[in-house]
Amino acid sequence: MEIEMVNVKYNWLKYLAHQNLKILKATQAKWRRMWRNISLNGRRAATAPPTFERKW
């Protein structure tokens, strides 16, 4: 009986760890996408004003 309980606990922990890993990977991908967008926007913003001034 005790051994079975340990097994159940172990499987539950494994399952939880797996879920957390999935969530972590998803959030990491989301953050990476967000950072790429931010850096792209930053670059775009950095290059925008000179061209704007040059036009005038």
Protein backbone atom coordinates (compact mmCIF):
# COMPACT_ATOMS: atom_id res chain seq x y z
CA MET A 1 0.00 0.00 0.00
CA GLU A 2 2.71 2.48 0.95
CA ILE A 3 4.68 1.69 -2.18
CA GLU A 4 1.64 2.36 -4.35
CA MET A 5 1.12 5.75 -2.71
CA VAL A 6 4.74 6.64 -3.38
CA ASN A 7 4.28 5.60 -7.00
CA VAL A 8 1.19 7.75 -7.36
CA LYS A 9 2.98 10.71 -5.80
CA TYR A 10 5.98 10.19 -8.07
CA ASN A 11 3.82 10.00 -11.19
CA TRP A 12 1.94 13.11 -10.13
CA LEU A 13 5.21 14.98 -9.60
CA LYS A 14 6.46 13.82 -12.99
CA TYR A 15 3.21 15.00 -14.56
CA LEU A 16 3.41 18.39 -12.84
CA ALA A 17 7.02 18.84 -13.88
CA HIS A 18 6.06 18.01 -17.46
CA GLN A 19 3.22 20.56 -17.41
CA ASN A 20 5.53 23.20 -15.98
CA LEU A 21 8.09 22.49 -18.68
CA LYS A 22 5.44 22.88 -21.37
CA ILE A 23 4.28 26.16 -19.83
CA LEU A 24 7.87 27.37 -19.49
CA LYS A 25 8.63 26.60 -23.12
CA ALA A 26 5.47 28.38 -24.26
CA THR A 27 6.19 31.48 -22.20
CA GLN A 28 9.82 31.48 -23.34
CA ALA A 29 8.71 31.43 -26.97
CA LYS A 30 6.22 34.20 -26.27
CA TRP A 31 8.87 36.33 -24.57
CA ARG A 32 11.36 35.70 -27.36
CA ARG A 33 8.76 36.81 -29.90
CA MET A 34 7.95 39.88 -27.81
CA TRP A 35 11.62 40.83 -27.41
CA ARG A 36 12.21 40.40 -31.13
CA ASN A 37 9.30 42.72 -31.83
CA ILE A 38 10.52 45.22 -29.24
CA SER A 39 14.06 45.22 -30.63
CA LEU A 40 12.74 45.54 -34.19
CA ASN A 41 10.52 48.43 -33.14
CA GLY A 42 13.47 50.00 -31.33
CA ARG A 43 15.63 49.73 -34.42
CA ARG A 44 12.84 51.11 -36.57
CA ALA A 45 12.30 53.95 -34.12
CA ALA A 46 16.04 54.66 -34.06
CA THR A 47 16.21 54.87 -37.86
CA ALA A 48 12.93 56.76 -38.33
CA PRO A 49 13.69 60.30 -37.04
CA PRO A 50 16.75 61.04 -39.26
CA THR A 51 14.85 60.10 -42.43
CA PHE A 52 11.93 62.18 -41.21
CA GLU A 53 14.21 65.17 -40.65
CA ARG A 54 15.94 64.61 -43.98
CA LYS A 55 12.59 64.78 -45.77
CA TRP A 56 11.96 68.27 -44.50
